Amino acid sequence: MVKMADKKQQITEVKIKAASVASTKDRILDAALELFARKGFDAVSMREIAEEVGIQKSSLYSHFKSKDEILDGIMEFPATELTLVGPKEELDTLIDNLGLEGFMMMSNGVFRDWMKSQKMEKVWRVLCIEMYHNEKIQAFFSNFIDGAISFWTLVFSKMAAKGMIKPLDPAVLANEYFGQYIYLFIEYFLIKYDNTPGSFKRMAEKSIEGHMIFFVEALKK
């Protein structure tokens, strides 16, 4: 019969092993992201990634079977970092409690915090560079934009139903509002990219602040 102390020891060892695996996977993703951003996805080999992390190539393959799997892990980062609200019931509560201006300020703050991450800048840089010849990244961008437009369409629809904003087409409002963010990404990551830490935040912060204020004033009844 296994003693309680032995069970606790086994559980502790499993937790330590799981934490070690998670830590190694994070190191692999970070190293791959750095290399992809610097050299491009196709120019980087699995061997280079393993060397950058400081592990054997065989160990790398035990975590990720291919570069495509590593890219999948990198593509998960934006979605996990940019989350405004949970269920639709929570969205209703936030809109009721914050009102038009408060809700827009909150979402603006979330995006501003998101922009502070140098890792996020590198993620978007890699995705923007590779999207022209990678169908998986093209699908990621399409789903990301569609999800954002759907979210803001729902927000403006609820606000209009509650009498908080003018009764305008919520889908049009969503496209107009989120379109500014798409423009900023194109301008920075495809046209004016500067790898100085925090450069995207500095460029975009004033623009999105003014955009939010303009939208709030335009929508007020």
C-alpha atoms as a PDB file:
ATOM      1  CA  MET A   1       0.000   0.000   0.000  1.00  0.00           C
ATOM      2  CA  VAL A   2       1.384   3.390  -1.001  1.00  0.00           C
ATOM      3  CA  LYS A   3       1.808   5.751   1.922  1.00  0.00           C
ATOM      4  CA  MET A   4       0.296   9.249   1.858  1.00  0.00           C
ATOM      5  CA  ALA A   5       3.770  10.798   1.981  1.00  0.00           C
ATOM      6  CA  ASP A   6       4.806   8.761  -1.067  1.00  0.00           C
ATOM      7  CA  LYS A   7       1.709   9.897  -2.968  1.00  0.00           C
ATOM      8  CA  LYS A   8       2.471  13.538  -2.178  1.00  0.00           C
ATOM      9  CA  GLN A   9       6.049  13.032  -3.351  1.00  0.00           C
ATOM     10  CA  GLN A  10       4.827  11.500  -6.610  1.00  0.00           C
ATOM     11  CA  ILE A  11       2.388  14.371  -7.181  1.00  0.00           C
ATOM     12  CA  THR A  12       5.148  16.909  -6.499  1.00  0.00           C
ATOM     13  CA  GLU A  13       7.482  15.181  -8.958  1.00  0.00           C
ATOM     14  CA  VAL A  14       4.778  15.161 -11.646  1.00  0.00           C
ATOM     15  CA  LYS A  15       4.129  18.888 -11.112  1.00  0.00           C
ATOM     16  CA  ILE A  16       7.845  19.688 -11.328  1.00  0.00           C
ATOM     17  CA  LYS A  17       8.173  17.651 -14.522  1.00  0.00           C
ATOM     18  CA  ALA A  18       5.116  19.364 -16.062  1.00  0.00           C
ATOM     19  CA  ALA A  19       6.493  22.795 -15.132  1.00  0.00           C
ATOM     20  CA  SER A  20       9.845  21.876 -16.679  1.00  0.00           C
ATOM     21  CA  VAL A  21       8.174  20.768 -19.920  1.00  0.00           C
ATOM     22  CA  ALA A  22       6.116  23.981 -20.053  1.00  0.00           C
ATOM     23  CA  SER A  23       9.220  26.068 -19.378  1.00  0.00           C
ATOM     24  CA  THR A  24      11.175  24.340 -22.156  1.00  0.00           C
ATOM     25  CA  LYS A  25       8.297  24.801 -24.614  1.00  0.00           C
ATOM     26  CA  ASP A  26       8.142  28.507 -23.762  1.00  0.00           C
ATOM     27  CA  ARG A  27      11.902  28.826 -24.297  1.00  0.00           C
ATOM     28  CA  ILE A  28      11.576  27.102 -27.655  1.00  0.00           C
ATOM     29  CA  LEU A  29       8.746  29.406 -28.722  1.00  0.00           C
ATOM     30  CA  ASP A  30      10.658  32.503 -27.595  1.00  0.00           C
ATOM     31  CA  ALA A  31      13.847  31.419 -29.373  1.00  0.00           C
ATOM     32  CA  ALA A  32      11.985  30.505 -32.561  1.00  0.00           C
ATOM     33  CA  LEU A  33      10.112  33.803 -32.508  1.00  0.00           C
ATOM     34  CA  GLU A  34      13.387  35.717 -32.209  1.00  0.00           C
ATOM     35  CA  LEU A  35      14.924  33.791 -35.108  1.00  0.00           C
ATOM     36  CA  PHE A  36      11.817  34.019 -37.309  1.00  0.00           C
ATOM     37  CA  ALA A  37      11.591  37.782 -36.740  1.00  0.00           C
ATOM     38  CA  ARG A  38      15.268  38.235 -37.596  1.00  0.00           C
ATOM     39  CA  LYS A  39      15.731  35.801 -40.495  1.00  0.00           C
ATOM     40  CA  GLY A  40      12.290  34.767 -41.699  1.00  0.00           C
ATOM     41  CA  PHE A  41      10.437  31.502 -41.152  1.00  0.00           C
ATOM     42  CA  ASP A  42      11.846  29.593 -44.140  1.00  0.00           C
ATOM     43  CA  ALA A  43      15.466  30.561 -43.411  1.00  0.00           C
ATOM     44  CA  VAL A  44      15.457  29.055 -39.906  1.00  0.00           C
ATOM     45  CA  SER A  45      16.058  25.344 -39.305  1.00  0.00           C
ATOM     46  CA  MET A  46      15.006  23.158 -36.398  1.00  0.00           C
ATOM     47  CA  ARG A  47      18.712  22.689 -35.628  1.00  0.00           C
ATOM     48  CA  GLU A  48      19.178  26.460 -35.287  1.00  0.00           C
ATOM     49  CA  ILE A  49      16.219  26.684 -32.921  1.00  0.00           C
ATOM     50  CA  ALA A  50      17.611  23.860 -30.781  1.00  0.00           C
ATOM     51  CA  GLU A  51      21.019  25.553 -30.648  1.00  0.00           C
ATOM     52  CA  GLU A  52      19.426  28.869 -29.710  1.00  0.00           C
ATOM     53  CA  VAL A  53      17.569  27.210 -26.820  1.00  0.00           C
ATOM     54  CA  GLY A  54      20.609  25.173 -25.797  1.00  0.00           C
ATOM     55  CA  ILE A  55      19.033  21.730 -26.171  1.00  0.00           C
ATOM     56  CA  GLN A  56      19.564  18.709 -28.395  1.00  0.00           C
ATOM     57  CA  LYS A  57      17.661  18.558 -31.676  1.00  0.00           C
ATOM     58  CA  SER A  58      16.052  15.303 -30.506  1.00  0.00           C
ATOM     59  CA  SER A  59      14.783  17.099 -27.396  1.00  0.00           C
ATOM     60  CA  LEU A  60      13.283  19.832 -29.568  1.00  0.00           C
ATOM     61  CA  TYR A  61      11.375  17.216 -31.581  1.00  0.00           C
ATOM     62  CA  SER A  62       9.952  15.770 -28.364  1.00  0.00           C
ATOM     63  CA  HIS A  63       8.168  19.107 -27.833  1.00  0.00           C
ATOM     64  CA  PHE A  64       7.411  20.138 -31.429  1.00  0.00           C
ATOM     65  CA  LYS A  65       7.378  17.799 -34.420  1.00  0.00           C
ATOM     66  CA  SER A  66       8.016  20.579 -36.944  1.00  0.00           C
ATOM     67  CA  LYS A  67       8.463  24.306 -37.480  1.00  0.00           C
ATOM     68  CA  ASP A  68       4.791  24.463 -38.403  1.00  0.00           C
ATOM     69  CA  GLU A  69       3.880  23.238 -34.918  1.00  0.00           C
ATOM     70  CA  ILE A  70       6.120  25.916 -33.422  1.00  0.00           C
ATOM     71  CA  LEU A  71       4.400  28.508 -35.603  1.00  0.00           C
ATOM     72  CA  ASP A  72       1.042  27.232 -34.332  1.00  0.00           C
ATOM     73  CA  GLY A  73       2.238  27.895 -30.792  1.00  0.00           C
ATOM     74  CA  ILE A  74       3.349  31.399 -31.713  1.00  0.00           C
ATOM     75  CA  MET A  75      -0.031  32.129 -33.326  1.00  0.00           C
ATOM     76  CA  GLU A  76      -1.813  31.252 -30.081  1.00  0.00           C
ATOM     77  CA  PHE A  77      -0.128  34.112 -28.237  1.00  0.00           C
ATOM     78  CA  PRO A  78      -2.172  37.077 -29.584  1.00  0.00           C
ATOM     79  CA  ALA A  79      -5.492  35.373 -28.811  1.00  0.00           C
ATOM     80  CA  THR A  80      -4.482  34.504 -25.238  1.00  0.00           C
ATOM     81  CA  GLU A  81      -3.201  38.018 -24.568  1.00  0.00           C
ATOM     82  CA  LEU A  82      -6.067  40.022 -26.081  1.00  0.00           C
ATOM     83  CA  THR A  83      -9.260  39.108 -24.249  1.00  0.00           C
ATOM     84  CA  LEU A  84     -11.773  41.809 -23.386  1.00  0.00           C
ATOM     85  CA  VAL A  85     -14.641  39.908 -21.819  1.00  0.00           C
ATOM     86  CA  GLY A  86     -16.001  36.412 -21.303  1.00  0.00           C
ATOM     87  CA  PRO A  87     -19.602  35.293 -21.890  1.00  0.00           C
ATOM     88  CA  LYS A  88     -22.200  37.556 -23.514  1.00  0.00           C
ATOM     89  CA  GLU A  89     -23.858  38.043 -20.121  1.00  0.00           C
ATOM     90  CA  GLU A  90     -20.627  39.590 -18.865  1.00  0.00           C
ATOM     91  CA  LEU A  91     -20.550  41.862 -21.911  1.00  0.00           C
ATOM     92  CA  ASP A  92     -24.045  43.128 -21.084  1.00  0.00           C
ATOM     93  CA  THR A  93     -22.985  43.838 -17.510  1.00  0.00           C
ATOM     94  CA  LEU A  94     -19.899  45.753 -18.620  1.00  0.00           C
ATOM     95  CA  ILE A  95     -21.865  47.856 -21.098  1.00  0.00           C
ATOM     96  CA  ASP A  96     -24.512  48.646 -18.471  1.00  0.00           C
ATOM     97  CA  ASN A  97     -21.948  49.532 -15.809  1.00  0.00           C
ATOM     98  CA  LEU A  98     -19.438  51.424 -17.950  1.00  0.00           C
ATOM     99  CA  GLY A  99     -21.605  53.058 -20.592  1.00  0.00           C
ATOM    100  CA  LEU A 100     -20.327  54.073 -24.022  1.00  0.00           C
ATOM    101  CA  GLU A 101     -17.311  56.130 -22.991  1.00  0.00           C
ATOM    102  CA  GLY A 102     -16.271  53.842 -20.151  1.00  0.00           C
ATOM    103  CA  PHE A 103     -16.456  50.704 -22.284  1.00  0.00           C
ATOM    104  CA  MET A 104     -14.461  52.285 -25.108  1.00  0.00           C
ATOM    105  CA  MET A 105     -11.848  53.529 -22.644  1.00  0.00           C
ATOM    106  CA  MET A 106     -11.587  50.037 -21.151  1.00  0.00           C
ATOM    107  CA  SER A 107     -11.081  48.370 -24.536  1.00  0.00           C
ATOM    108  CA  ASN A 108      -8.586  51.051 -25.492  1.00  0.00           C
ATOM    109  CA  GLY A 109      -6.675  50.365 -22.284  1.00  0.00           C
ATOM    110  CA  VAL A 110      -6.571  46.624 -23.008  1.00  0.00           C
ATOM    111  CA  PHE A 111      -5.141  47.282 -26.462  1.00  0.00           C
ATOM    112  CA  ARG A 112      -2.640  49.789 -25.050  1.00  0.00           C
ATOM    113  CA  ASP A 113      -1.400  47.217 -22.523  1.00  0.00           C
ATOM    114  CA  TRP A 114      -1.201  44.669 -25.329  1.00  0.00           C
ATOM    115  CA  MET A 115       1.041  47.004 -27.338  1.00  0.00           C
ATOM    116  CA  LYS A 116       3.596  47.289 -24.528  1.00  0.00           C
ATOM    117  CA  SER A 117       4.800  43.736 -25.122  1.00  0.00           C
ATOM    118  CA  GLN A 118       7.957  43.512 -27.236  1.00  0.00           C
ATOM    119  CA  LYS A 119       7.133  39.838 -27.718  1.00  0.00           C
ATOM    120  CA  MET A 120       3.805  40.810 -29.262  1.00  0.00           C
ATOM    121  CA  GLU A 121       5.561  43.146 -31.692  1.00  0.00           C
ATOM    122  CA  LYS A 122       7.774  40.277 -32.840  1.00  0.00           C
ATOM    123  CA  VAL A 123       4.795  37.931 -33.192  1.00  0.00           C
ATOM    124  CA  TRP A 124       2.972  40.353 -35.461  1.00  0.00           C
ATOM    125  CA  ARG A 125       6.152  41.071 -37.412  1.00  0.00           C
ATOM    126  CA  VAL A 126       6.633  37.361 -38.149  1.00  0.00           C
ATOM    127  CA  LEU A 127       2.978  36.840 -39.068  1.00  0.00           C
ATOM    128  CA  CYS A 128       2.921  39.873 -41.367  1.00  0.00           C
ATOM    129  CA  ILE A 129       6.104  38.791 -43.153  1.00  0.00           C
ATOM    130  CA  GLU A 130       4.979  35.209 -43.640  1.00  0.00           C
ATOM    131  CA  MET A 131       1.286  35.660 -44.438  1.00  0.00           C
ATOM    132  CA  TYR A 132       1.817  36.050 -48.192  1.00  0.00           C
ATOM    133  CA  HIS A 133       3.042  32.469 -48.629  1.00  0.00           C
ATOM    134  CA  ASN A 134       1.564  30.666 -45.641  1.00  0.00           C
ATOM    135  CA  GLU A 135      -2.095  29.672 -45.856  1.00  0.00           C
ATOM    136  CA  LYS A 136      -2.261  28.913 -42.144  1.00  0.00           C
ATOM    137  CA  ILE A 137      -1.257  32.482 -41.280  1.00  0.00           C
ATOM    138  CA  GLN A 138      -3.685  33.866 -43.852  1.00  0.00           C
ATOM    139  CA  ALA A 139      -6.456  31.886 -42.156  1.00  0.00           C
ATOM    140  CA  PHE A 140      -5.280  33.160 -38.767  1.00  0.00           C
ATOM    141  CA  PHE A 141      -5.531  36.796 -39.892  1.00  0.00           C
ATOM    142  CA  SER A 142      -8.914  36.193 -41.486  1.00  0.00           C
ATOM    143  CA  ASN A 143     -10.281  34.575 -38.320  1.00  0.00           C
ATOM    144  CA  PHE A 144      -8.729  37.239 -36.102  1.00  0.00           C
ATOM    145  CA  ILE A 145     -10.273  40.105 -38.063  1.00  0.00           C
ATOM    146  CA  ASP A 146     -13.641  38.351 -38.457  1.00  0.00           C
ATOM    147  CA  GLY A 147     -13.714  37.676 -34.712  1.00  0.00           C
ATOM    148  CA  ALA A 148     -12.942  41.292 -33.869  1.00  0.00           C
ATOM    149  CA  ILE A 149     -15.563  42.622 -36.297  1.00  0.00           C
ATOM    150  CA  SER A 150     -18.163  40.203 -34.895  1.00  0.00           C
ATOM    151  CA  PHE A 151     -17.332  41.276 -31.354  1.00  0.00           C
ATOM    152  CA  TRP A 152     -17.671  44.994 -32.089  1.00  0.00           C
ATOM    153  CA  THR A 153     -20.821  44.427 -34.148  1.00  0.00           C
ATOM    154  CA  LEU A 154     -22.330  42.780 -31.070  1.00  0.00           C
ATOM    155  CA  VAL A 155     -21.127  45.605 -28.814  1.00  0.00           C
ATOM    156  CA  PHE A 156     -22.595  48.365 -30.981  1.00  0.00           C
ATOM    157  CA  SER A 157     -25.802  46.379 -31.476  1.00  0.00           C
ATOM    158  CA  LYS A 158     -26.266  46.087 -27.712  1.00  0.00           C
ATOM    159  CA  MET A 159     -25.429  49.754 -27.155  1.00  0.00           C
ATOM    160  CA  ALA A 160     -27.945  50.814 -29.800  1.00  0.00           C
ATOM    161  CA  ALA A 161     -30.622  48.565 -28.271  1.00  0.00           C
ATOM    162  CA  LYS A 162     -29.964  50.148 -24.869  1.00  0.00           C
ATOM    163  CA  GLY A 163     -30.269  53.645 -26.334  1.00  0.00           C
ATOM    164  CA  MET A 164     -26.642  54.532 -25.586  1.00  0.00           C
ATOM    165  CA  ILE A 165     -25.692  55.399 -29.167  1.00  0.00           C
ATOM    166  CA  LYS A 166     -27.312  56.580 -32.369  1.00  0.00           C
ATOM    167  CA  PRO A 167     -29.327  53.859 -34.167  1.00  0.00           C
ATOM    168  CA  LEU A 168     -26.749  53.198 -36.886  1.00  0.00           C
ATOM    169  CA  ASP A 169     -25.855  49.914 -38.581  1.00  0.00           C
ATOM    170  CA  PRO A 170     -23.693  48.090 -35.985  1.00  0.00           C
ATOM    171  CA  ALA A 171     -21.805  46.126 -38.660  1.00  0.00           C
ATOM    172  CA  VAL A 172     -20.798  49.343 -40.422  1.00  0.00           C
ATOM    173  CA  LEU A 173     -19.728  50.866 -37.101  1.00  0.00           C
ATOM    174  CA  ALA A 174     -17.665  47.777 -36.269  1.00  0.00           C
ATOM    175  CA  ASN A 175     -15.858  47.889 -39.603  1.00  0.00           C
ATOM    176  CA  GLU A 176     -15.213  51.615 -39.307  1.00  0.00           C
ATOM    177  CA  TYR A 177     -13.991  51.331 -35.719  1.00  0.00           C
ATOM    178  CA  PHE A 178     -11.738  48.284 -36.087  1.00  0.00           C
ATOM    179  CA  GLY A 179     -10.543  49.411 -39.512  1.00  0.00           C
ATOM    180  CA  GLN A 180      -8.280  51.959 -37.819  1.00  0.00           C
ATOM    181  CA  TYR A 181      -6.491  49.180 -35.946  1.00  0.00           C
ATOM    182  CA  ILE A 182      -5.992  47.228 -39.167  1.00  0.00           C
ATOM    183  CA  TYR A 183      -4.560  50.344 -40.800  1.00  0.00           C
ATOM    184  CA  LEU A 184      -2.125  50.831 -37.905  1.00  0.00           C
ATOM    185  CA  PHE A 185      -0.876  47.275 -38.229  1.00  0.00           C
ATOM    186  CA  ILE A 186      -0.345  47.669 -41.985  1.00  0.00           C
ATOM    187  CA  GLU A 187       1.382  51.030 -41.581  1.00  0.00           C
ATOM    188  CA  TYR A 188       3.740  49.830 -38.884  1.00  0.00           C
ATOM    189  CA  PHE A 189       4.493  46.184 -39.592  1.00  0.00           C
ATOM    190  CA  LEU A 190       4.494  46.354 -43.397  1.00  0.00           C
ATOM    191  CA  ILE A 191       5.560  49.927 -44.165  1.00  0.00           C
ATOM    192  CA  LYS A 192       7.381  51.658 -41.294  1.00  0.00           C
ATOM    193  CA  TYR A 193       8.604  48.782 -39.136  1.00  0.00           C
ATOM    194  CA  ASP A 194      11.150  49.874 -36.542  1.00  0.00           C
ATOM    195  CA  ASN A 195      12.550  47.194 -34.233  1.00  0.00           C
ATOM    196  CA  THR A 196      13.340  49.706 -31.489  1.00  0.00           C
ATOM    197  CA  PRO A 197      11.681  48.410 -28.276  1.00  0.00           C
ATOM    198  CA  GLY A 198       8.276  49.992 -27.741  1.00  0.00           C
ATOM    199  CA  SER A 199       8.216  51.708 -31.138  1.00  0.00           C
ATOM    200  CA  PHE A 200       4.782  50.356 -32.097  1.00  0.00           C
ATOM    201  CA  LYS A 201       3.307  51.552 -28.813  1.00  0.00           C
ATOM    202  CA  ARG A 202       4.718  55.047 -29.314  1.00  0.00           C
ATOM    203  CA  MET A 203       3.456  55.269 -32.886  1.00  0.00           C
ATOM    204  CA  ALA A 204      -0.006  53.859 -32.278  1.00  0.00           C
ATOM    205  CA  GLU A 205      -0.936  55.180 -28.834  1.00  0.00           C
ATOM    206  CA  LYS A 206      -1.786  58.738 -29.870  1.00  0.00           C
ATOM    207  CA  SER A 207      -3.636  57.546 -32.960  1.00  0.00           C
ATOM    208  CA  ILE A 208      -5.928  55.090 -31.173  1.00  0.00           C
ATOM    209  CA  GLU A 209      -6.616  57.576 -28.378  1.00  0.00           C
ATOM    210  CA  GLY A 210      -7.792  60.182 -30.881  1.00  0.00           C
ATOM    211  CA  HIS A 211      -9.735  57.566 -32.816  1.00  0.00           C
ATOM    212  CA  MET A 212     -11.576  56.442 -29.685  1.00  0.00           C
ATOM    213  CA  ILE A 213     -12.472  60.007 -28.661  1.00  0.00           C
ATOM    214  CA  PHE A 214     -13.722  60.774 -32.177  1.00  0.00           C
ATOM    215  CA  PHE A 215     -15.886  57.642 -32.225  1.00  0.00           C
ATOM    216  CA  VAL A 216     -17.376  58.286 -28.799  1.00  0.00           C
ATOM    217  CA  GLU A 217     -18.326  61.841 -29.730  1.00  0.00           C
ATOM    218  CA  ALA A 218     -19.754  60.736 -33.089  1.00  0.00           C
ATOM    219  CA  LEU A 219     -21.921  58.023 -31.532  1.00  0.00           C
ATOM    220  CA  LYS A 220     -23.351  59.979 -28.614  1.00  0.00           C
ATOM    221  CA  LYS A 221     -27.073  60.647 -28.895  1.00  0.00           C
END
